[in-house]
Amino acid sequence: MSFPDMVYYEPAALEYELGKKLKEKYSDVPWIEIENHNNIPELRSESNEAFPKMKRHLVVAVRKTHKYAENHKVSDYLVPYTSSGCPASCLYCYLVCTYNKCAYLRLFVNREQMMDKMLETQRKSDRPLCFEIGSNSDLVLENAITDNLRWTIERFSESKSGYLTFPTKFHMVKDLLNLNHRGKVIFRMSVNPQEIIRKIEIGTSPLEKRIEALNSMCEAGYPAGLLIAPVIMTENWKTLYSELIETLAEKLSYRVKNSAFIEIIFMTYSYVQNAINTEAYPQAAPLFSKELMTGRGRGKYCYRDELRREGEEFLRAELAKKLPNMHILYVV
């Protein structure tokens, strides 16, 4: 599959250095002028069946929203950063709840403005802050297109204090290994059983490559974390997650196993996702279960309390046996 098959762009984006580079890089595909990246009528009106096709589109724009959201897990703030959406097709992707069918990759070219705000926010703080820059996209995947992550790490490392963090499901970290990050960037790898990656995290890196990337980043001195996320309670979930943890215990490096933390996130799902997936991926594994899930409000579903508790107890016990030195930061 070629990516992108076409580019929608705001004219102002071409006034920025990155916008000009992208125009040159993708000069062999159609460029379609738009007024506003948040409202492209011809894409909003597409059918659910067109969702996989739309994932091949790229939008190049200027980010206008810079409001931070407070966060109390790994970071202090969720930061709107250089991209939103993703070309991959994880069937549970929460971005679909926000953007609906418009969960394609949008690149924002005014990275200097976003970086300056983070640096200024840190300068005004009386303590080191941690900024989550990857909540709206996968920055490792984006980096393969823009080189933004490399630029970001080099620039932020010059700050006197503070941290950046981002999660990923991709393994392409070679360009990040030799950077002078000064320990200011917390790298977090998301993992799932390979069967779930293959069937549900469509278009992402396989488990083995994710583990190799995490080992490499940790060996390069990056503080690291491991997300078991989202936990999907399929019919044979205990077997799958037991085997996953066994694989992690076998293949994670000594350094990861003795320094990285763990986050555990159970899957939530939505009416919107179910409607799109049913039409866009009719052969895909169903994620909604009336027997296992309950309403969470605003059209969202989560696992029933008793099943969720069983899942947490099982995972904590397995991790305590097989990865005893890795601290579980939280379970949600």
C-alpha atoms as a PDB file:
ATOM      1  CA  MET A   1       0.000   0.000   0.000  1.00  0.00           C
ATOM      2  CA  SER A   2       1.443   3.353  -1.033  1.00  0.00           C
ATOM      3  CA  PHE A   3       1.320   6.208   1.448  1.00  0.00           C
ATOM      4  CA  PRO A   4       0.213   8.865   0.971  1.00  0.00           C
ATOM      5  CA  ASP A   5      -2.031   8.501  -2.049  1.00  0.00           C
ATOM      6  CA  MET A   6      -2.931  12.209  -1.855  1.00  0.00           C
ATOM      7  CA  VAL A   7      -2.243  15.225   0.345  1.00  0.00           C
ATOM      8  CA  TYR A   8      -4.764  17.773   1.599  1.00  0.00           C
ATOM      9  CA  TYR A   9      -3.088  20.993   2.699  1.00  0.00           C
ATOM     10  CA  GLU A  10      -3.708  24.416   4.159  1.00  0.00           C
ATOM     11  CA  PRO A  11      -1.860  27.014   2.036  1.00  0.00           C
ATOM     12  CA  ALA A  12      -0.315  28.587   5.151  1.00  0.00           C
ATOM     13  CA  ALA A  13       1.465  25.290   5.864  1.00  0.00           C
ATOM     14  CA  LEU A  14       3.690  25.830   2.849  1.00  0.00           C
ATOM     15  CA  GLU A  15       5.137  28.955   4.471  1.00  0.00           C
ATOM     16  CA  TYR A  16       6.954  26.749   6.998  1.00  0.00           C
ATOM     17  CA  GLU A  17      10.192  24.869   6.385  1.00  0.00           C
ATOM     18  CA  LEU A  18       8.612  21.480   7.123  1.00  0.00           C
ATOM     19  CA  GLY A  19       5.659  22.219   4.844  1.00  0.00           C
ATOM     20  CA  LYS A  20       8.028  22.991   1.974  1.00  0.00           C
ATOM     21  CA  LYS A  21       9.987  19.776   2.593  1.00  0.00           C
ATOM     22  CA  LEU A  22       6.798  17.688   2.569  1.00  0.00           C
ATOM     23  CA  LYS A  23       5.642  19.361  -0.655  1.00  0.00           C
ATOM     24  CA  GLU A  24       8.899  18.360  -2.287  1.00  0.00           C
ATOM     25  CA  LYS A  25       8.955  14.884  -0.756  1.00  0.00           C
ATOM     26  CA  TYR A  26       5.452  14.012  -1.974  1.00  0.00           C
ATOM     27  CA  SER A  27       5.436  15.978  -5.217  1.00  0.00           C
ATOM     28  CA  ASP A  28       4.395  12.864  -7.168  1.00  0.00           C
ATOM     29  CA  VAL A  29       0.904  12.653  -5.567  1.00  0.00           C
ATOM     30  CA  PRO A  30      -2.029  15.094  -5.867  1.00  0.00           C
ATOM     31  CA  TRP A  31      -2.071  18.076  -3.467  1.00  0.00           C
ATOM     32  CA  ILE A  32      -5.557  19.395  -2.733  1.00  0.00           C
ATOM     33  CA  GLU A  33      -5.995  22.813  -1.135  1.00  0.00           C
ATOM     34  CA  ILE A  34      -8.312  23.069   1.887  1.00  0.00           C
ATOM     35  CA  GLU A  35      -9.468  25.886   4.146  1.00  0.00           C
ATOM     36  CA  ASN A  36      -9.422  24.038   7.473  1.00  0.00           C
ATOM     37  CA  HIS A  37      -7.899  20.678   8.406  1.00  0.00           C
ATOM     38  CA  ASN A  38     -10.720  20.144  10.929  1.00  0.00           C
ATOM     39  CA  ASN A  39     -13.408  20.334   8.283  1.00  0.00           C
ATOM     40  CA  ILE A  40     -12.792  18.687   4.922  1.00  0.00           C
ATOM     41  CA  PRO A  41     -16.370  18.181   3.662  1.00  0.00           C
ATOM     42  CA  GLU A  42     -15.604  15.519   1.052  1.00  0.00           C
ATOM     43  CA  LEU A  43     -13.932  13.344   3.700  1.00  0.00           C
ATOM     44  CA  ARG A  44     -16.482  13.924   6.449  1.00  0.00           C
ATOM     45  CA  SER A  45     -19.220  12.748   4.082  1.00  0.00           C
ATOM     46  CA  GLU A  46     -17.441   9.511   3.147  1.00  0.00           C
ATOM     47  CA  SER A  47     -19.073   6.218   4.105  1.00  0.00           C
ATOM     48  CA  ASN A  48     -17.760   4.017   6.908  1.00  0.00           C
ATOM     49  CA  GLU A  49     -16.645   1.538   4.249  1.00  0.00           C
ATOM     50  CA  ALA A  50     -14.182   4.168   2.969  1.00  0.00           C
ATOM     51  CA  PHE A  51     -12.310   4.320   6.286  1.00  0.00           C
ATOM     52  CA  PRO A  52      -9.342   2.115   5.196  1.00  0.00           C
ATOM     53  CA  LYS A  53      -8.968   4.158   1.991  1.00  0.00           C
ATOM     54  CA  MET A  54      -8.996   7.412   3.973  1.00  0.00           C
ATOM     55  CA  LYS A  55      -6.134   6.100   6.123  1.00  0.00           C
ATOM     56  CA  ARG A  56      -3.934   6.485   3.037  1.00  0.00           C
ATOM     57  CA  HIS A  57      -4.541  10.239   2.903  1.00  0.00           C
ATOM     58  CA  LEU A  58      -2.223  12.796   4.486  1.00  0.00           C
ATOM     59  CA  VAL A  59      -3.202  16.249   5.744  1.00  0.00           C
ATOM     60  CA  VAL A  60      -0.594  19.006   6.122  1.00  0.00           C
ATOM     61  CA  ALA A  61      -1.685  21.950   8.252  1.00  0.00           C
ATOM     62  CA  VAL A  62      -0.851  24.525  10.907  1.00  0.00           C
ATOM     63  CA  ARG A  63      -1.822  23.631  14.479  1.00  0.00           C
ATOM     64  CA  LYS A  64      -3.940  26.370  16.019  1.00  0.00           C
ATOM     65  CA  THR A  65      -4.945  24.674  19.283  1.00  0.00           C
ATOM     66  CA  HIS A  66      -2.217  24.671  21.924  1.00  0.00           C
ATOM     67  CA  LYS A  67      -4.173  24.099  25.146  1.00  0.00           C
ATOM     68  CA  TYR A  68      -2.623  21.573  27.527  1.00  0.00           C
ATOM     69  CA  ALA A  69      -4.682  19.037  29.469  1.00  0.00           C
ATOM     70  CA  GLU A  70      -3.530  18.043  32.950  1.00  0.00           C
ATOM     71  CA  ASN A  71      -2.506  14.419  33.346  1.00  0.00           C
ATOM     72  CA  HIS A  72      -1.615  12.439  36.443  1.00  0.00           C
ATOM     73  CA  LYS A  73      -0.129   9.191  35.155  1.00  0.00           C
ATOM     74  CA  VAL A  74       3.337   9.401  33.600  1.00  0.00           C
ATOM     75  CA  SER A  75       3.134  13.074  32.644  1.00  0.00           C
ATOM     76  CA  ASP A  76       1.921  16.375  34.055  1.00  0.00           C
ATOM     77  CA  TYR A  77       0.391  17.570  30.780  1.00  0.00           C
ATOM     78  CA  LEU A  78      -0.974  16.131  27.548  1.00  0.00           C
ATOM     79  CA  VAL A  79       0.440  18.367  24.831  1.00  0.00           C
ATOM     80  CA  PRO A  80      -1.122  18.828  21.369  1.00  0.00           C
ATOM     81  CA  TYR A  81       1.944  18.241  19.255  1.00  0.00           C
ATOM     82  CA  THR A  82       3.133  17.690  15.695  1.00  0.00           C
ATOM     83  CA  SER A  83       0.556  15.164  14.514  1.00  0.00           C
ATOM     84  CA  SER A  84      -2.826  13.610  15.122  1.00  0.00           C
ATOM     85  CA  GLY A  85      -4.261  10.406  13.760  1.00  0.00           C
ATOM     86  CA  CYS A  86      -2.269   7.568  12.244  1.00  0.00           C
ATOM     87  CA  PRO A  87      -2.013   5.507   9.032  1.00  0.00           C
ATOM     88  CA  ALA A  88      -2.269   2.266  11.043  1.00  0.00           C
ATOM     89  CA  SER A  89      -5.664   0.735  11.812  1.00  0.00           C
ATOM     90  CA  CYS A  90      -5.878  -0.470  15.411  1.00  0.00           C
ATOM     91  CA  LEU A  91      -9.524  -1.485  15.667  1.00  0.00           C
ATOM     92  CA  TYR A  92      -9.919  -0.056  19.185  1.00  0.00           C
ATOM     93  CA  CYS A  93      -8.153   3.282  18.485  1.00  0.00           C
ATOM     94  CA  TYR A  94      -9.577   5.939  20.801  1.00  0.00           C
ATOM     95  CA  LEU A  95      -8.790   8.640  18.225  1.00  0.00           C
ATOM     96  CA  VAL A  96     -11.709   7.300  16.197  1.00  0.00           C
ATOM     97  CA  CYS A  97     -13.967   8.375  19.087  1.00  0.00           C
ATOM     98  CA  THR A  98     -12.609  11.912  18.723  1.00  0.00           C
ATOM     99  CA  TYR A  99     -12.147  12.231  14.990  1.00  0.00           C
ATOM    100  CA  ASN A 100     -14.579   9.589  13.713  1.00  0.00           C
ATOM    101  CA  LYS A 101     -13.672   8.672  10.122  1.00  0.00           C
ATOM    102  CA  CYS A 102     -11.192  11.568  10.087  1.00  0.00           C
ATOM    103  CA  ALA A 103      -8.592   9.644  12.129  1.00  0.00           C
ATOM    104  CA  TYR A 104      -6.118   9.854   9.247  1.00  0.00           C
ATOM    105  CA  LEU A 105      -2.659  11.336   9.747  1.00  0.00           C
ATOM    106  CA  ARG A 106      -2.493  15.101  10.096  1.00  0.00           C
ATOM    107  CA  LEU A 107       0.936  16.714  10.247  1.00  0.00           C
ATOM    108  CA  PHE A 108       1.340  20.155  11.802  1.00  0.00           C
ATOM    109  CA  VAL A 109       4.285  22.110  10.473  1.00  0.00           C
ATOM    110  CA  ASN A 110       4.642  24.803  13.177  1.00  0.00           C
ATOM    111  CA  ARG A 111       6.758  22.634  15.450  1.00  0.00           C
ATOM    112  CA  GLU A 112       8.909  25.545  16.658  1.00  0.00           C
ATOM    113  CA  GLN A 113       5.831  27.254  18.133  1.00  0.00           C
ATOM    114  CA  MET A 114       4.826  24.081  19.984  1.00  0.00           C
ATOM    115  CA  MET A 115       8.335  23.501  21.299  1.00  0.00           C
ATOM    116  CA  ASP A 116       8.698  27.110  22.460  1.00  0.00           C
ATOM    117  CA  LYS A 117       5.496  26.804  24.495  1.00  0.00           C
ATOM    118  CA  MET A 118       6.752  23.672  26.262  1.00  0.00           C
ATOM    119  CA  LEU A 119      10.089  25.257  27.053  1.00  0.00           C
ATOM    120  CA  GLU A 120       8.410  28.408  28.332  1.00  0.00           C
ATOM    121  CA  THR A 121       5.976  26.373  30.477  1.00  0.00           C
ATOM    122  CA  GLN A 122       8.923  24.534  32.030  1.00  0.00           C
ATOM    123  CA  ARG A 123      10.840  27.773  32.639  1.00  0.00           C
ATOM    124  CA  LYS A 124       7.896  29.201  34.585  1.00  0.00           C
ATOM    125  CA  SER A 125       7.535  26.088  36.748  1.00  0.00           C
ATOM    126  CA  ASP A 126       9.207  25.694  40.139  1.00  0.00           C
ATOM    127  CA  ARG A 127       9.687  21.954  39.549  1.00  0.00           C
ATOM    128  CA  PRO A 128      10.538  19.636  36.615  1.00  0.00           C
ATOM    129  CA  LEU A 129       7.488  18.901  34.455  1.00  0.00           C
ATOM    130  CA  CYS A 130       6.790  15.943  32.185  1.00  0.00           C
ATOM    131  CA  PHE A 131       5.078  16.594  28.840  1.00  0.00           C
ATOM    132  CA  GLU A 132       3.213  13.783  27.029  1.00  0.00           C
ATOM    133  CA  ILE A 133       3.677  14.598  23.335  1.00  0.00           C
ATOM    134  CA  GLY A 134       2.347  11.361  21.835  1.00  0.00           C
ATOM    135  CA  SER A 135      -1.264  11.140  22.991  1.00  0.00           C
ATOM    136  CA  ASN A 136      -2.771  12.046  19.597  1.00  0.00           C
ATOM    137  CA  SER A 137      -0.514  10.076  17.272  1.00  0.00           C
ATOM    138  CA  ASP A 138       2.411   7.648  17.113  1.00  0.00           C
ATOM    139  CA  LEU A 139       5.516   9.825  16.950  1.00  0.00           C
ATOM    140  CA  VAL A 140       7.895   7.008  15.988  1.00  0.00           C
ATOM    141  CA  LEU A 141       5.793   6.336  12.919  1.00  0.00           C
ATOM    142  CA  GLU A 142       5.463  10.059  12.235  1.00  0.00           C
ATOM    143  CA  ASN A 143       9.244  10.470  12.567  1.00  0.00           C
ATOM    144  CA  ALA A 144       9.752   8.208   9.566  1.00  0.00           C
ATOM    145  CA  ILE A 145       7.936  10.880   7.531  1.00  0.00           C
ATOM    146  CA  THR A 146       9.012  14.168   9.147  1.00  0.00           C
ATOM    147  CA  ASP A 147      12.111  13.572  11.317  1.00  0.00           C
ATOM    148  CA  ASN A 148      10.183  15.568  13.946  1.00  0.00           C
ATOM    149  CA  LEU A 149      10.958  13.254  16.840  1.00  0.00           C
ATOM    150  CA  ARG A 150      14.684  13.443  16.288  1.00  0.00           C
ATOM    151  CA  TRP A 151      14.419  17.243  16.061  1.00  0.00           C
ATOM    152  CA  THR A 152      12.254  17.335  19.205  1.00  0.00           C
ATOM    153  CA  ILE A 153      14.629  15.265  21.332  1.00  0.00           C
ATOM    154  CA  GLU A 154      17.665  17.293  20.292  1.00  0.00           C
ATOM    155  CA  ARG A 155      15.909  20.597  20.970  1.00  0.00           C
ATOM    156  CA  PHE A 156      14.324  19.656  24.305  1.00  0.00           C
ATOM    157  CA  SER A 157      17.555  18.148  25.622  1.00  0.00           C
ATOM    158  CA  GLU A 158      18.953  21.706  25.756  1.00  0.00           C
ATOM    159  CA  SER A 159      16.427  22.669  28.455  1.00  0.00           C
ATOM    160  CA  LYS A 160      17.656  22.937  32.030  1.00  0.00           C
ATOM    161  CA  SER A 161      14.954  20.652  33.423  1.00  0.00           C
ATOM    162  CA  GLY A 162      11.812  18.741  32.514  1.00  0.00           C
ATOM    163  CA  TYR A 163      10.954  15.605  30.557  1.00  0.00           C
ATOM    164  CA  LEU A 164       9.177  14.484  27.411  1.00  0.00           C
ATOM    165  CA  THR A 165       7.404  11.161  27.018  1.00  0.00           C
ATOM    166  CA  PHE A 166       5.564   9.288  24.290  1.00  0.00           C
ATOM    167  CA  PRO A 167       4.251   5.757  23.672  1.00  0.00           C
ATOM    168  CA  THR A 168       4.641   3.804  20.442  1.00  0.00           C
ATOM    169  CA  LYS A 169       3.692   0.572  18.703  1.00  0.00           C
ATOM    170  CA  PHE A 170       6.517   0.875  16.176  1.00  0.00           C
ATOM    171  CA  HIS A 171      10.136  -0.242  16.117  1.00  0.00           C
ATOM    172  CA  MET A 172      11.871   2.320  13.869  1.00  0.00           C
ATOM    173  CA  VAL A 173      14.133   3.876  16.518  1.00  0.00           C
ATOM    174  CA  LYS A 174      17.569   3.589  14.913  1.00  0.00           C
ATOM    175  CA  ASP A 175      17.796   7.344  14.272  1.00  0.00           C
ATOM    176  CA  LEU A 176      17.098   8.063  17.957  1.00  0.00           C
ATOM    177  CA  LEU A 177      19.741   5.856  19.553  1.00  0.00           C
ATOM    178  CA  ASN A 178      22.747   8.156  19.250  1.00  0.00           C
ATOM    179  CA  LEU A 179      21.056  11.405  20.227  1.00  0.00           C
ATOM    180  CA  ASN A 180      22.232  13.399  23.251  1.00  0.00           C
ATOM    181  CA  HIS A 181      18.885  13.084  25.037  1.00  0.00           C
ATOM    182  CA  ARG A 182      20.429  13.683  28.499  1.00  0.00           C
ATOM    183  CA  GLY A 183      17.869  11.348  30.087  1.00  0.00           C
ATOM    184  CA  LYS A 184      15.071  13.825  29.446  1.00  0.00           C
ATOM    185  CA  VAL A 185      12.944  11.593  27.185  1.00  0.00           C
ATOM    186  CA  ILE A 186      10.917   8.703  28.607  1.00  0.00           C
ATOM    187  CA  PHE A 187      10.373   6.091  25.894  1.00  0.00           C
ATOM    188  CA  ARG A 188       7.328   3.840  26.354  1.00  0.00           C
ATOM    189  CA  MET A 189       6.609   0.774  24.232  1.00  0.00           C
ATOM    190  CA  SER A 190       3.098  -0.629  23.962  1.00  0.00           C
ATOM    191  CA  VAL A 191       2.816  -4.413  23.702  1.00  0.00           C
ATOM    192  CA  ASN A 192       0.130  -7.026  23.200  1.00  0.00           C
ATOM    193  CA  PRO A 193       0.112 -10.736  22.360  1.00  0.00           C
ATOM    194  CA  GLN A 194       1.238 -11.256  18.756  1.00  0.00           C
ATOM    195  CA  GLU A 195      -2.149 -12.781  17.846  1.00  0.00           C
ATOM    196  CA  ILE A 196      -3.874  -9.555  18.941  1.00  0.00           C
ATOM    197  CA  ILE A 197      -1.283  -7.412  17.140  1.00  0.00           C
ATOM    198  CA  ARG A 198      -1.855  -9.349  13.921  1.00  0.00           C
ATOM    199  CA  LYS A 199      -5.654  -9.355  14.050  1.00  0.00           C
ATOM    200  CA  ILE A 200      -6.477  -6.078  15.819  1.00  0.00           C
ATOM    201  CA  GLU A 201      -3.458  -3.720  15.760  1.00  0.00           C
ATOM    202  CA  ILE A 202      -3.414  -3.734  11.976  1.00  0.00           C
ATOM    203  CA  GLY A 203      -0.397  -2.119  10.337  1.00  0.00           C
ATOM    204  CA  THR A 204       1.770  -1.881  13.478  1.00  0.00           C
ATOM    205  CA  SER A 205       5.123  -3.529  14.271  1.00  0.00           C
ATOM    206  CA  PRO A 206       5.219  -7.173  15.429  1.00  0.00           C
ATOM    207  CA  LEU A 207       5.873  -7.951  19.083  1.00  0.00           C
ATOM    208  CA  GLU A 208       9.429  -9.198  18.556  1.00  0.00           C
ATOM    209  CA  LYS A 209      10.509  -5.966  16.856  1.00  0.00           C
ATOM    210  CA  ARG A 210       8.836  -3.864  19.554  1.00  0.00           C
ATOM    211  CA  ILE A 211      10.801  -5.705  22.243  1.00  0.00           C
ATOM    212  CA  GLU A 212      14.045  -5.205  20.313  1.00  0.00           C
ATOM    213  CA  ALA A 213      13.317  -1.470  19.991  1.00  0.00           C
ATOM    214  CA  LEU A 214      12.593  -1.114  23.711  1.00  0.00           C
ATOM    215  CA  ASN A 215      15.813  -2.935  24.583  1.00  0.00           C
ATOM    216  CA  SER A 216      17.783  -0.700  22.211  1.00  0.00           C
ATOM    217  CA  MET A 217      16.331   2.543  23.559  1.00  0.00           C
ATOM    218  CA  CYS A 218      16.905   1.507  27.164  1.00  0.00           C
ATOM    219  CA  GLU A 219      20.492   0.482  26.374  1.00  0.00           C
ATOM    220  CA  ALA A 220      20.929   3.930  24.777  1.00  0.00           C
ATOM    221  CA  GLY A 221      20.133   5.465  28.162  1.00  0.00           C
ATOM    222  CA  TYR A 222      16.529   6.509  27.654  1.00  0.00           C
ATOM    223  CA  PRO A 223      14.315   6.072  30.740  1.00  0.00           C
ATOM    224  CA  ALA A 224      11.775   3.475  29.649  1.00  0.00           C
ATOM    225  CA  GLY A 225       8.323   2.141  30.291  1.00  0.00           C
ATOM    226  CA  LEU A 226       6.239  -0.780  29.056  1.00  0.00           C
ATOM    227  CA  LEU A 227       2.524  -0.490  28.357  1.00  0.00           C
ATOM    228  CA  ILE A 228       0.451  -3.652  28.337  1.00  0.00           C
ATOM    229  CA  ALA A 229      -2.291  -1.907  26.480  1.00  0.00           C
ATOM    230  CA  PRO A 230      -4.998  -2.223  25.762  1.00  0.00           C
ATOM    231  CA  VAL A 231      -5.770  -5.505  27.484  1.00  0.00           C
ATOM    232  CA  ILE A 232      -8.366  -7.196  25.285  1.00  0.00           C
ATOM    233  CA  MET A 233     -10.287  -9.982  26.991  1.00  0.00           C
ATOM    234  CA  THR A 234     -10.812 -12.395  24.126  1.00  0.00           C
ATOM    235  CA  GLU A 235     -12.015 -15.953  24.690  1.00  0.00           C
ATOM    236  CA  ASN A 236      -8.486 -17.222  25.467  1.00  0.00           C
ATOM    237  CA  TRP A 237      -7.141 -14.035  27.045  1.00  0.00           C
ATOM    238  CA  LYS A 238      -5.463 -15.683  30.025  1.00  0.00           C
ATOM    239  CA  THR A 239      -3.393 -17.949  27.786  1.00  0.00           C
ATOM    240  CA  LEU A 240      -2.469 -15.098  25.449  1.00  0.00           C
ATOM    241  CA  TYR A 241      -1.373 -12.694  28.188  1.00  0.00           C
ATOM    242  CA  SER A 242       0.438 -15.376  30.161  1.00  0.00           C
ATOM    243  CA  GLU A 243       2.421 -16.217  27.011  1.00  0.00           C
ATOM    244  CA  LEU A 244       3.043 -12.504  26.398  1.00  0.00           C
ATOM    245  CA  ILE A 245       4.506 -11.987  29.869  1.00  0.00           C
ATOM    246  CA  GLU A 246       6.592 -15.146  29.460  1.00  0.00           C
ATOM    247  CA  THR A 247       7.980 -13.765  26.186  1.00  0.00           C
ATOM    248  CA  LEU A 248       8.737 -10.423  27.830  1.00  0.00           C
ATOM    249  CA  ALA A 249      10.543 -12.158  30.707  1.00  0.00           C
ATOM    250  CA  GLU A 250      12.624 -14.106  28.205  1.00  0.00           C
ATOM    251  CA  LYS A 251      13.460 -11.350  25.693  1.00  0.00           C
ATOM    252  CA  LEU A 252      13.563  -8.039  27.559  1.00  0.00           C
ATOM    253  CA  SER A 253      17.095  -6.967  28.405  1.00  0.00           C
ATOM    254  CA  TYR A 254      18.409  -7.017  31.956  1.00  0.00           C
ATOM    255  CA  ARG A 255      18.403  -3.230  31.961  1.00  0.00           C
ATOM    256  CA  VAL A 256      14.741  -2.994  30.958  1.00  0.00           C
ATOM    257  CA  LYS A 257      13.679  -5.614  33.481  1.00  0.00           C
ATOM    258  CA  ASN A 258      15.451  -3.775  36.272  1.00  0.00           C
ATOM    259  CA  SER A 259      14.675  -0.146  35.473  1.00  0.00           C
ATOM    260  CA  ALA A 260      11.477   0.184  33.402  1.00  0.00           C
ATOM    261  CA  PHE A 261       7.972   0.654  34.795  1.00  0.00           C
ATOM    262  CA  ILE A 262       4.724  -0.932  33.596  1.00  0.00           C
ATOM    263  CA  GLU A 263       1.371   0.642  32.732  1.00  0.00           C
ATOM    264  CA  ILE A 264      -1.707  -1.575  32.297  1.00  0.00           C
ATOM    265  CA  ILE A 265      -4.726  -0.239  30.437  1.00  0.00           C
ATOM    266  CA  PHE A 266      -7.884  -2.260  29.786  1.00  0.00           C
ATOM    267  CA  MET A 267      -9.662  -1.670  26.511  1.00  0.00           C
ATOM    268  CA  THR A 268     -12.583   0.685  26.198  1.00  0.00           C
ATOM    269  CA  TYR A 269     -14.661   0.640  23.053  1.00  0.00           C
ATOM    270  CA  SER A 270     -17.345   2.840  21.563  1.00  0.00           C
ATOM    271  CA  TYR A 271     -20.493   2.777  19.487  1.00  0.00           C
ATOM    272  CA  VAL A 272     -18.707   4.883  16.858  1.00  0.00           C
ATOM    273  CA  GLN A 273     -15.811   2.432  16.575  1.00  0.00           C
ATOM    274  CA  ASN A 274     -18.159  -0.521  16.343  1.00  0.00           C
ATOM    275  CA  ALA A 275     -20.196   1.127  13.581  1.00  0.00           C
ATOM    276  CA  ILE A 276     -17.100   1.961  11.527  1.00  0.00           C
ATOM    277  CA  ASN A 277     -15.357  -1.377  12.064  1.00  0.00           C
ATOM    278  CA  THR A 278     -18.452  -3.386  11.177  1.00  0.00           C
ATOM    279  CA  GLU A 279     -18.565  -1.774   7.719  1.00  0.00           C
ATOM    280  CA  ALA A 280     -14.887  -1.000   7.112  1.00  0.00           C
ATOM    281  CA  TYR A 281     -13.451  -4.308   8.352  1.00  0.00           C
ATOM    282  CA  PRO A 282     -16.297  -6.841   8.070  1.00  0.00           C
ATOM    283  CA  GLN A 283     -13.897  -9.803   8.393  1.00  0.00           C
ATOM    284  CA  ALA A 284     -12.135  -8.457  11.474  1.00  0.00           C
ATOM    285  CA  ALA A 285     -12.411  -9.946  14.940  1.00  0.00           C
ATOM    286  CA  PRO A 286     -15.364  -8.409  16.821  1.00  0.00           C
ATOM    287  CA  LEU A 287     -14.374  -6.398  19.883  1.00  0.00           C
ATOM    288  CA  PHE A 288     -17.764  -5.591  21.375  1.00  0.00           C
ATOM    289  CA  SER A 289     -19.365  -8.185  23.639  1.00  0.00           C
ATOM    290  CA  LYS A 290     -22.733  -7.588  25.260  1.00  0.00           C
ATOM    291  CA  GLU A 291     -21.963 -10.293  27.829  1.00  0.00           C
ATOM    292  CA  LEU A 292     -18.548  -8.941  28.849  1.00  0.00           C
ATOM    293  CA  MET A 293     -19.015  -5.183  28.536  1.00  0.00           C
ATOM    294  CA  THR A 294     -21.146  -2.474  30.074  1.00  0.00           C
ATOM    295  CA  GLY A 295     -21.933   1.124  29.184  1.00  0.00           C
ATOM    296  CA  ARG A 296     -19.576   3.828  30.386  1.00  0.00           C
ATOM    297  CA  GLY A 297     -21.468   6.866  29.124  1.00  0.00           C
ATOM    298  CA  ARG A 298     -21.287   8.856  25.872  1.00  0.00           C
ATOM    299  CA  GLY A 299     -21.558   5.725  23.781  1.00  0.00           C
ATOM    300  CA  LYS A 300     -18.518   4.033  25.329  1.00  0.00           C
ATOM    301  CA  TYR A 301     -18.192   0.527  26.719  1.00  0.00           C
ATOM    302  CA  CYS A 302     -15.789  -1.075  29.167  1.00  0.00           C
ATOM    303  CA  TYR A 303     -15.412  -4.520  30.710  1.00  0.00           C
ATOM    304  CA  ARG A 304     -17.754  -5.360  33.576  1.00  0.00           C
ATOM    305  CA  ASP A 305     -16.303  -4.698  37.014  1.00  0.00           C
ATOM    306  CA  GLU A 306     -15.983  -8.335  38.051  1.00  0.00           C
ATOM    307  CA  LEU A 307     -14.180  -9.289  34.828  1.00  0.00           C
ATOM    308  CA  ARG A 308     -11.946  -6.227  35.028  1.00  0.00           C
ATOM    309  CA  ARG A 309     -10.953  -7.154  38.612  1.00  0.00           C
ATOM    310  CA  GLU A 310     -10.230 -10.724  37.557  1.00  0.00           C
ATOM    311  CA  GLY A 311      -8.033  -9.424  34.740  1.00  0.00           C
ATOM    312  CA  GLU A 312      -6.066  -7.112  37.014  1.00  0.00           C
ATOM    313  CA  GLU A 313      -5.490  -9.812  39.625  1.00  0.00           C
ATOM    314  CA  PHE A 314      -4.329 -12.253  36.947  1.00  0.00           C
ATOM    315  CA  LEU A 315      -1.903  -9.806  35.322  1.00  0.00           C
ATOM    316  CA  ARG A 316      -0.475  -8.629  38.635  1.00  0.00           C
ATOM    317  CA  ALA A 317       0.149 -12.236  39.693  1.00  0.00           C
ATOM    318  CA  GLU A 318       1.794 -13.179  36.393  1.00  0.00           C
ATOM    319  CA  LEU A 319       3.995 -10.092  36.417  1.00  0.00           C
ATOM    320  CA  ALA A 320       5.003 -10.639  40.041  1.00  0.00           C
ATOM    321  CA  LYS A 321       6.190 -14.151  39.133  1.00  0.00           C
ATOM    322  CA  LYS A 322       7.926 -13.414  35.844  1.00  0.00           C
ATOM    323  CA  LEU A 323       8.970  -9.736  35.977  1.00  0.00           C
ATOM    324  CA  PRO A 324       9.254  -9.062  39.711  1.00  0.00           C
ATOM    325  CA  ASN A 325      11.568  -6.042  39.428  1.00  0.00           C
ATOM    326  CA  MET A 326       9.321  -4.038  37.122  1.00  0.00           C
ATOM    327  CA  HIS A 327       7.130  -1.635  39.058  1.00  0.00           C
ATOM    328  CA  ILE A 328       3.455  -1.398  38.007  1.00  0.00           C
ATOM    329  CA  LEU A 329       2.778   2.322  37.862  1.00  0.00           C
ATOM    330  CA  TYR A 330      -1.011   2.053  37.525  1.00  0.00           C
ATOM    331  CA  VAL A 331      -3.858  -0.106  36.208  1.00  0.00           C
ATOM    332  CA  VAL A 332      -6.895   1.480  34.564  1.00  0.00           C
END
